[in-house]
PDB file of N, CA and C in Angstrom:
ATOM      1  N   MET A   1       0.808  -1.426  -0.167  1.00  0.00           N
ATOM      2  CA  MET A   1       0.062  -0.132  -0.332  1.00  0.00           C
ATOM      3  C   MET A   1       0.999   1.408   0.012  1.00  0.00           C
ATOM      4  N   LYS A   2       0.606   2.105  -0.830  1.00  0.00           N
ATOM      5  CA  LYS A   2       1.422   3.550  -0.982  1.00  0.00           C
ATOM      6  C   LYS A   2       0.448   4.603  -0.630  1.00  0.00           C
ATOM      7  N   PHE A   3       1.176   5.431   0.491  1.00  0.00           N
ATOM      8  CA  PHE A   3       0.540   6.468   0.801  1.00  0.00           C
ATOM      9  C   PHE A   3       1.105   7.756   0.236  1.00  0.00           C
ATOM     10  N   SER A   4       0.561   8.797  -0.282  1.00  0.00           N
ATOM     11  CA  SER A   4       1.436   9.986  -0.540  1.00  0.00           C
ATOM     12  C   SER A   4       1.585  10.765   0.836  1.00  0.00           C
ATOM     13  N   ALA A   5       2.580  11.703   0.518  1.00  0.00           N
ATOM     14  CA  ALA A   5       3.237  12.543   2.021  1.00  0.00           C
ATOM     15  C   ALA A   5       2.200  13.440   2.392  1.00  0.00           C
ATOM     16  N   GLY A   6       1.382  13.858   1.536  1.00  0.00           N
ATOM     17  CA  GLY A   6       0.407  14.721   2.263  1.00  0.00           C
ATOM     18  C   GLY A   6      -0.572  13.836   3.315  1.00  0.00           C
ATOM     19  N   VAL A   7      -1.107  12.717   2.840  1.00  0.00           N
ATOM     20  CA  VAL A   7      -1.980  11.916   3.723  1.00  0.00           C
ATOM     21  C   VAL A   7      -1.503  11.509   4.642  1.00  0.00           C
ATOM     22  N   THR A   8       0.465  10.895   4.495  1.00  0.00           N
ATOM     23  CA  THR A   8       0.981  10.491   5.607  1.00  0.00           C
ATOM     24  C   THR A   8       1.010  11.683   6.626  1.00  0.00           C
ATOM     25  N   MET A   9       1.096  12.641   6.519  1.00  0.00           N
ATOM     26  CA  MET A   9       1.283  14.216   7.178  1.00  0.00           C
ATOM     27  C   MET A   9       0.177  14.199   8.026  1.00  0.00           C
ATOM     28  N   TRP A  10      -0.898  14.085   7.607  1.00  0.00           N
ATOM     29  CA  TRP A  10      -2.244  14.244   8.286  1.00  0.00           C
ATOM     30  C   TRP A  10      -2.790  13.063   9.241  1.00  0.00           C
ATOM     31  N   MET A  11      -2.475  12.036   8.786  1.00  0.00           N
ATOM     32  CA  MET A  11      -2.626  10.628   9.535  1.00  0.00           C
ATOM     33  C   MET A  11      -1.608  10.957  10.902  1.00  0.00           C
ATOM     34  N   CYS A  12      -0.568  11.070  10.422  1.00  0.00           N
ATOM     35  CA  CYS A  12       0.631  11.604  11.577  1.00  0.00           C
ATOM     36  C   CYS A  12       0.104  12.497  12.803  1.00  0.00           C
ATOM     37  N   GLY A  13      -0.381  13.469  11.825  1.00  0.00           N
ATOM     38  CA  GLY A  13      -1.272  14.749  12.984  1.00  0.00           C
ATOM     39  C   GLY A  13      -2.023  14.113  13.478  1.00  0.00           C
ATOM     40  N   VAL A  14      -3.093  13.589  13.034  1.00  0.00           N
ATOM     41  CA  VAL A  14      -4.389  13.203  13.650  1.00  0.00           C
ATOM     42  C   VAL A  14      -3.436  11.970  15.147  1.00  0.00           C
ATOM     43  N   PHE A  15      -2.778  10.890  14.711  1.00  0.00           N
ATOM     44  CA  PHE A  15      -2.109  10.012  15.707  1.00  0.00           C
ATOM     45  C   PHE A  15      -1.396  10.881  16.546  1.00  0.00           C
ATOM     46  N   ALA A  16      -0.899  11.784  16.302  1.00  0.00           N
ATOM     47  CA  ALA A  16       0.047  12.483  17.256  1.00  0.00           C
ATOM     48  C   ALA A  16      -1.061  13.158  18.170  1.00  0.00           C
ATOM     49  N   LEU A  17      -2.106  13.685  18.033  1.00  0.00           N
ATOM     50  CA  LEU A  17      -2.919  14.271  18.511  1.00  0.00           C
ATOM     51  C   LEU A  17      -3.711  13.429  19.782  1.00  0.00           C
ATOM     52  N   VAL A  18      -4.257  12.064  19.172  1.00  0.00           N
ATOM     53  CA  VAL A  18      -4.504  11.204  20.116  1.00  0.00           C
ATOM     54  C   VAL A  18      -3.665  10.821  21.249  1.00  0.00           C
ATOM     55  N   CYS A  19      -2.429  10.763  20.600  1.00  0.00           N
ATOM     56  CA  CYS A  19      -1.301  10.056  21.624  1.00  0.00           C
ATOM     57  C   CYS A  19      -1.425  11.284  22.953  1.00  0.00           C
ATOM     58  N   LEU A  20      -1.115  12.594  22.392  1.00  0.00           N
ATOM     59  CA  LEU A  20      -1.015  13.703  23.125  1.00  0.00           C
ATOM     60  C   LEU A  20      -2.405  13.643  24.094  1.00  0.00           C
ATOM     61  N   GLY A  21      -3.761  13.362  23.714  1.00  0.00           N
ATOM     62  CA  GLY A  21      -4.573  13.262  24.700  1.00  0.00           C
ATOM     63  C   GLY A  21      -4.421  12.415  25.676  1.00  0.00           C
ATOM     64  N   PHE A  22      -4.177  11.085  25.402  1.00  0.00           N
ATOM     65  CA  PHE A  22      -3.655   9.836  26.180  1.00  0.00           C
ATOM     66  C   PHE A  22      -2.784  10.181  27.456  1.00  0.00           C
ATOM     67  N   ALA A  23      -1.500  10.912  26.660  1.00  0.00           N
ATOM     68  CA  ALA A  23      -0.648  11.114  27.613  1.00  0.00           C
ATOM     69  C   ALA A  23      -1.061  12.239  28.606  1.00  0.00           C
ATOM     70  N   LEU A  24      -1.654  13.453  28.208  1.00  0.00           N
ATOM     71  CA  LEU A  24      -1.973  13.977  29.415  1.00  0.00           C
ATOM     72  C   LEU A  24      -3.199  13.934  30.133  1.00  0.00           C
ATOM     73  N   SER A  25      -4.150  12.872  29.679  1.00  0.00           N
ATOM     74  CA  SER A  25      -5.279  12.411  30.668  1.00  0.00           C
ATOM     75  C   SER A  25      -4.134  11.255  31.552  1.00  0.00           C
ATOM     76  N   GLY A  26      -2.979  10.775  31.316  1.00  0.00           N
ATOM     77  CA  GLY A  26      -2.257   9.734  32.031  1.00  0.00           C
ATOM     78  C   GLY A  26      -1.448  10.899  33.149  1.00  0.00           C
ATOM     79  N   PHE A  27      -1.309  12.064  32.902  1.00  0.00           N
ATOM     80  CA  PHE A  27      -0.864  12.889  33.656  1.00  0.00           C
ATOM     81  C   PHE A  27      -1.534  13.819  34.305  1.00  0.00           C
ATOM     82  N   SER A  28      -2.549  14.030  34.077  1.00  0.00           N
ATOM     83  CA  SER A  28      -3.514  14.522  35.019  1.00  0.00           C
ATOM     84  C   SER A  28      -4.356  13.640  35.959  1.00  0.00           C
ATOM     85  N   ALA A  29      -4.184  12.370  35.724  1.00  0.00           N
ATOM     86  CA  ALA A  29      -4.554  11.545  36.607  1.00  0.00           C
ATOM     87  C   ALA A  29      -3.901  11.318  37.808  1.00  0.00           C
ATOM     88  N   LEU A  30      -2.449  11.611  38.061  1.00  0.00           N
ATOM     89  CA  LEU A  30      -1.679  11.465  38.859  1.00  0.00           C
ATOM     90  C   LEU A  30      -1.816  12.002  40.122  1.00  0.00           C
ATOM     91  N   GLY A  31      -2.474  13.377  40.311  1.00  0.00           N
ATOM     92  CA  GLY A  31      -3.174  13.576  41.479  1.00  0.00           C
ATOM     93  C   GLY A  31      -4.014  12.852  42.216  1.00  0.00           C
ATOM     94  N   GLY A  32      -4.641  12.488  41.707  1.00  0.00           N
ATOM     95  CA  GLY A  32      -5.775  11.433  42.370  1.00  0.00           C
ATOM     96  C   GLY A  32      -5.555  10.026  43.059  1.00  0.00           C
ATOM     97  N   LEU A  33      -4.167   9.771  42.325  1.00  0.00           N
ATOM     98  CA  LEU A  33      -3.817   8.583  43.038  1.00  0.00           C
ATOM     99  C   LEU A  33      -3.039   8.603  44.134  1.00  0.00           C
ATOM    100  N   VAL A  34      -3.202   7.733  45.106  1.00  0.00           N
ATOM    101  CA  VAL A  34      -2.437   7.553  46.639  1.00  0.00           C
ATOM    102  C   VAL A  34      -1.683   6.676  46.859  1.00  0.00           C
ATOM    103  N   ASP A  35      -1.572   5.575  45.904  1.00  0.00           N
ATOM    104  CA  ASP A  35      -0.781   4.254  45.884  1.00  0.00           C
ATOM    105  C   ASP A  35       0.276   4.734  44.883  1.00  0.00           C
ATOM    106  N   GLU A  36       1.406   4.523  45.438  1.00  0.00           N
ATOM    107  CA  GLU A  36       2.787   4.788  45.044  1.00  0.00           C
ATOM    108  C   GLU A  36       2.714   3.852  43.928  1.00  0.00           C
ATOM    109  N   ALA A  37       2.451   2.558  43.869  1.00  0.00           N
ATOM    110  CA  ALA A  37       2.728   1.625  42.758  1.00  0.00           C
ATOM    111  C   ALA A  37       1.642   1.861  41.655  1.00  0.00           C
ATOM    112  N   GLU A  38       0.682   2.476  41.766  1.00  0.00           N
ATOM    113  CA  GLU A  38      -0.232   2.842  40.988  1.00  0.00           C
ATOM    114  C   GLU A  38       0.009   3.966  40.291  1.00  0.00           C
ATOM    115  N   ARG A  39       0.811   4.924  41.192  1.00  0.00           N
ATOM    116  CA  ARG A  39       0.999   6.028  40.384  1.00  0.00           C
ATOM    117  C   ARG A  39       2.506   5.979  39.583  1.00  0.00           C
ATOM    118  N   ASP A  40       3.378   5.327  40.139  1.00  0.00           N
ATOM    119  CA  ASP A  40       4.205   4.810  38.771  1.00  0.00           C
ATOM    120  C   ASP A  40       3.631   4.238  37.585  1.00  0.00           C
ATOM    121  N   LEU A  41       2.575   3.490  37.722  1.00  0.00           N
ATOM    122  CA  LEU A  41       2.289   2.581  36.248  1.00  0.00           C
ATOM    123  C   LEU A  41       1.896   3.728  35.631  1.00  0.00           C
ATOM    124  N   SER A  42       0.839   4.881  36.122  1.00  0.00           N
ATOM    125  CA  SER A  42       0.258   6.038  35.595  1.00  0.00           C
ATOM    126  C   SER A  42       1.068   6.865  34.827  1.00  0.00           C
ATOM    127  N   ARG A  43       2.146   6.919  35.460  1.00  0.00           N
ATOM    128  CA  ARG A  43       3.408   7.747  35.149  1.00  0.00           C
ATOM    129  C   ARG A  43       4.144   6.976  33.873  1.00  0.00           C
ATOM    130  N   GLY A  44       4.311   5.801  33.902  1.00  0.00           N
ATOM    131  CA  GLY A  44       4.692   5.000  32.806  1.00  0.00           C
ATOM    132  C   GLY A  44       3.908   5.246  31.878  1.00  0.00           C
ATOM    133  N   TYR A  45       2.717   4.393  31.779  1.00  0.00           N
ATOM    134  CA  TYR A  45       1.547   5.064  30.811  1.00  0.00           C
ATOM    135  C   TYR A  45       1.552   6.197  30.200  1.00  0.00           C
ATOM    136  N   ALA A  46       1.735   7.219  30.914  1.00  0.00           N
ATOM    137  CA  ALA A  46       1.747   8.538  30.097  1.00  0.00           C
ATOM    138  C   ALA A  46       2.882   8.960  29.717  1.00  0.00           C
ATOM    139  N   TRP A  47       4.116   8.319  29.910  1.00  0.00           N
ATOM    140  CA  TRP A  47       5.319   8.754  28.932  1.00  0.00           C
ATOM    141  C   TRP A  47       5.489   7.953  27.750  1.00  0.00           C
ATOM    142  N   PHE A  48       4.713   6.827  28.178  1.00  0.00           N
ATOM    143  CA  PHE A  48       4.851   5.600  26.774  1.00  0.00           C
ATOM    144  C   PHE A  48       4.014   6.637  25.724  1.00  0.00           C
ATOM    145  N   TRP A  49       2.787   6.928  25.895  1.00  0.00           N
ATOM    146  CA  TRP A  49       2.129   7.766  24.966  1.00  0.00           C
ATOM    147  C   TRP A  49       3.017   9.406  24.542  1.00  0.00           C
ATOM    148  N   MET A  50       3.519   9.958  25.548  1.00  0.00           N
ATOM    149  CA  MET A  50       4.412  11.055  24.823  1.00  0.00           C
ATOM    150  C   MET A  50       5.739  10.288  24.149  1.00  0.00           C
ATOM    151  N   PHE A  51       5.984   9.311  24.072  1.00  0.00           N
ATOM    152  CA  PHE A  51       7.102   8.942  23.177  1.00  0.00           C
ATOM    153  C   PHE A  51       6.233   8.629  21.946  1.00  0.00           C
ATOM    154  N   LEU A  52       4.890   8.121  21.806  1.00  0.00           N
ATOM    155  CA  LEU A  52       4.226   7.723  20.465  1.00  0.00           C
ATOM    156  C   LEU A  52       4.083   9.224  20.034  1.00  0.00           C
ATOM    157  N   PHE A  53       3.483  10.333  20.932  1.00  0.00           N
ATOM    158  CA  PHE A  53       3.571  11.457  20.250  1.00  0.00           C
ATOM    159  C   PHE A  53       4.655  11.825  19.582  1.00  0.00           C
ATOM    160  N   ALA A  54       5.614  11.790  20.159  1.00  0.00           N
ATOM    161  CA  ALA A  54       7.116  12.212  19.710  1.00  0.00           C
ATOM    162  C   ALA A  54       7.241  11.628  18.613  1.00  0.00           C
ATOM    163  N   VAL A  55       7.150  10.328  17.982  1.00  0.00           N
ATOM    164  CA  VAL A  55       7.311   9.458  17.089  1.00  0.00           C
ATOM    165  C   VAL A  55       6.419  10.433  15.860  1.00  0.00           C
ATOM    166  N   ALA A  56       5.363  10.457  16.278  1.00  0.00           N
ATOM    167  CA  ALA A  56       4.366  10.680  15.237  1.00  0.00           C
ATOM    168  C   ALA A  56       4.787  12.173  14.890  1.00  0.00           C
ATOM    169  N   PHE A  57       4.916  12.908  15.642  1.00  0.00           N
ATOM    170  CA  PHE A  57       5.244  14.096  15.252  1.00  0.00           C
ATOM    171  C   PHE A  57       6.582  14.743  14.442  1.00  0.00           C
ATOM    172  N   VAL A  58       7.538  13.591  14.788  1.00  0.00           N
ATOM    173  CA  VAL A  58       8.522  13.939  14.086  1.00  0.00           C
ATOM    174  C   VAL A  58       8.423  13.037  12.347  1.00  0.00           C
ATOM    175  N   PHE A  59       7.520  12.048  12.247  1.00  0.00           N
ATOM    176  CA  PHE A  59       7.253  11.499  10.910  1.00  0.00           C
ATOM    177  C   PHE A  59       6.420  12.557  10.291  1.00  0.00           C
ATOM    178  N   GLY A  60       5.485  13.169  11.264  1.00  0.00           N
ATOM    179  CA  GLY A  60       4.507  13.971  10.750  1.00  0.00           C
ATOM    180  C   GLY A  60       5.359  15.284   9.957  1.00  0.00           C
ATOM    181  N   VAL A  61       6.623  15.665  10.846  1.00  0.00           N
ATOM    182  CA  VAL A  61       7.198  16.764   9.975  1.00  0.00           C
ATOM    183  C   VAL A  61       8.233  16.162   8.969  1.00  0.00           C
ATOM    184  N   LEU A  62       8.744  14.848   9.080  1.00  0.00           N
ATOM    185  CA  LEU A  62       9.191  14.290   7.914  1.00  0.00           C
ATOM    186  C   LEU A  62       8.420  14.399   6.742  1.00  0.00           C
ATOM    187  N   SER A  63       7.277  13.846   6.780  1.00  0.00           N
ATOM    188  CA  SER A  63       5.996  13.948   5.664  1.00  0.00           C
ATOM    189  C   SER A  63       6.031  15.223   5.193  1.00  0.00           C
ATOM    190  N   TRP A  64       6.146  16.101   5.965  1.00  0.00           N
ATOM    191  CA  TRP A  64       5.605  17.889   5.175  1.00  0.00           C
ATOM    192  C   TRP A  64       6.835  18.014   4.616  1.00  0.00           C
ATOM    193  N   LEU A  65       8.292  17.677   5.093  1.00  0.00           N
ATOM    194  CA  LEU A  65       9.291  18.148   4.319  1.00  0.00           C
ATOM    195  C   LEU A  65       9.476  17.345   2.944  1.00  0.00           C
ATOM    196  N   ILE A  66       9.112  16.326   2.838  1.00  0.00           N
ATOM    197  CA  ILE A  66       9.112  15.454   1.747  1.00  0.00           C
ATOM    198  C   ILE A  66       7.977  15.957   0.974  1.00  0.00           C
ATOM    199  N   LYS A  67       7.031  16.443   1.594  1.00  0.00           N
ATOM    200  CA  LYS A  67       5.665  16.783   0.597  1.00  0.00           C
ATOM    201  C   LYS A  67       6.197  18.476  -0.075  1.00  0.00           C
ATOM    202  N   LYS A  68       7.196  18.956   0.847  1.00  0.00           N
ATOM    203  CA  LYS A  68       7.638  20.363   0.148  1.00  0.00           C
ATOM    204  C   LYS A  68       8.643  20.357  -1.100  1.00  0.00           C
ATOM    205  N   GLY A  69       9.187  19.164  -0.686  1.00  0.00           N
ATOM    206  CA  GLY A  69      10.532  18.809  -1.553  1.00  0.00           C
ATOM    207  C   GLY A  69      11.611  19.615  -0.958  1.00  0.00           C
ATOM    208  N   LYS A  70      11.754  19.217   0.344  1.00  0.00           N
ATOM    209  CA  LYS A  70      12.860  19.874   0.859  1.00  0.00           C
ATOM    210  C   LYS A  70      13.793  18.634   1.412  1.00  0.00           C
ATOM    211  N   LEU A  71      13.767  17.394   1.241  1.00  0.00           N
ATOM    212  CA  LEU A  71      14.586  16.127   1.335  1.00  0.00           C
ATOM    213  C   LEU A  71      14.710  15.626   0.089  1.00  0.00           C
ATOM    214  N   GLY A  72      14.523  16.420  -1.200  1.00  0.00           N
ATOM    215  CA  GLY A  72      15.180  15.752  -2.003  1.00  0.00           C
ATOM    216  C   GLY A  72      13.837  16.151  -3.256  1.00  0.00           C
ATOM    217  N   PRO A  73      14.453  15.948  -4.593  1.00  0.00           N
ATOM    218  CA  PRO A  73      13.459  16.210  -5.657  1.00  0.00           C
ATOM    219  C   PRO A  73      11.943  15.535  -5.385  1.00  0.00           C
ATOM    220  N   ILE A  74      10.991  16.353  -5.965  1.00  0.00           N
ATOM    221  CA  ILE A  74       9.596  15.723  -5.935  1.00  0.00           C
ATOM    222  C   ILE A  74       9.181  15.232  -7.420  1.00  0.00           C
ATOM    223  N   GLU A  75       8.986  13.680  -7.368  1.00  0.00           N
ATOM    224  CA  GLU A  75       9.293  13.012  -8.606  1.00  0.00           C
ATOM    225  C   GLU A  75       7.632  13.380  -8.979  1.00  0.00           C
TER     226      GLU A  75
END
């Protein structure tokens, strides 16, 4: 399956926003947790989603650069 750079850019943007939402939800839940083990699990969950956000953001920027022709000639 072949996607254009524009479609990939938008898909990465949507996925990045979803990941950011899950991460912020995980970080906001830390204040209500009393048990330290649950707090560590929630923090790990939130950082995992932040990592996915960063990966999607980077690939979205790379797709945008490819679309604009900044990383090589447009064929």
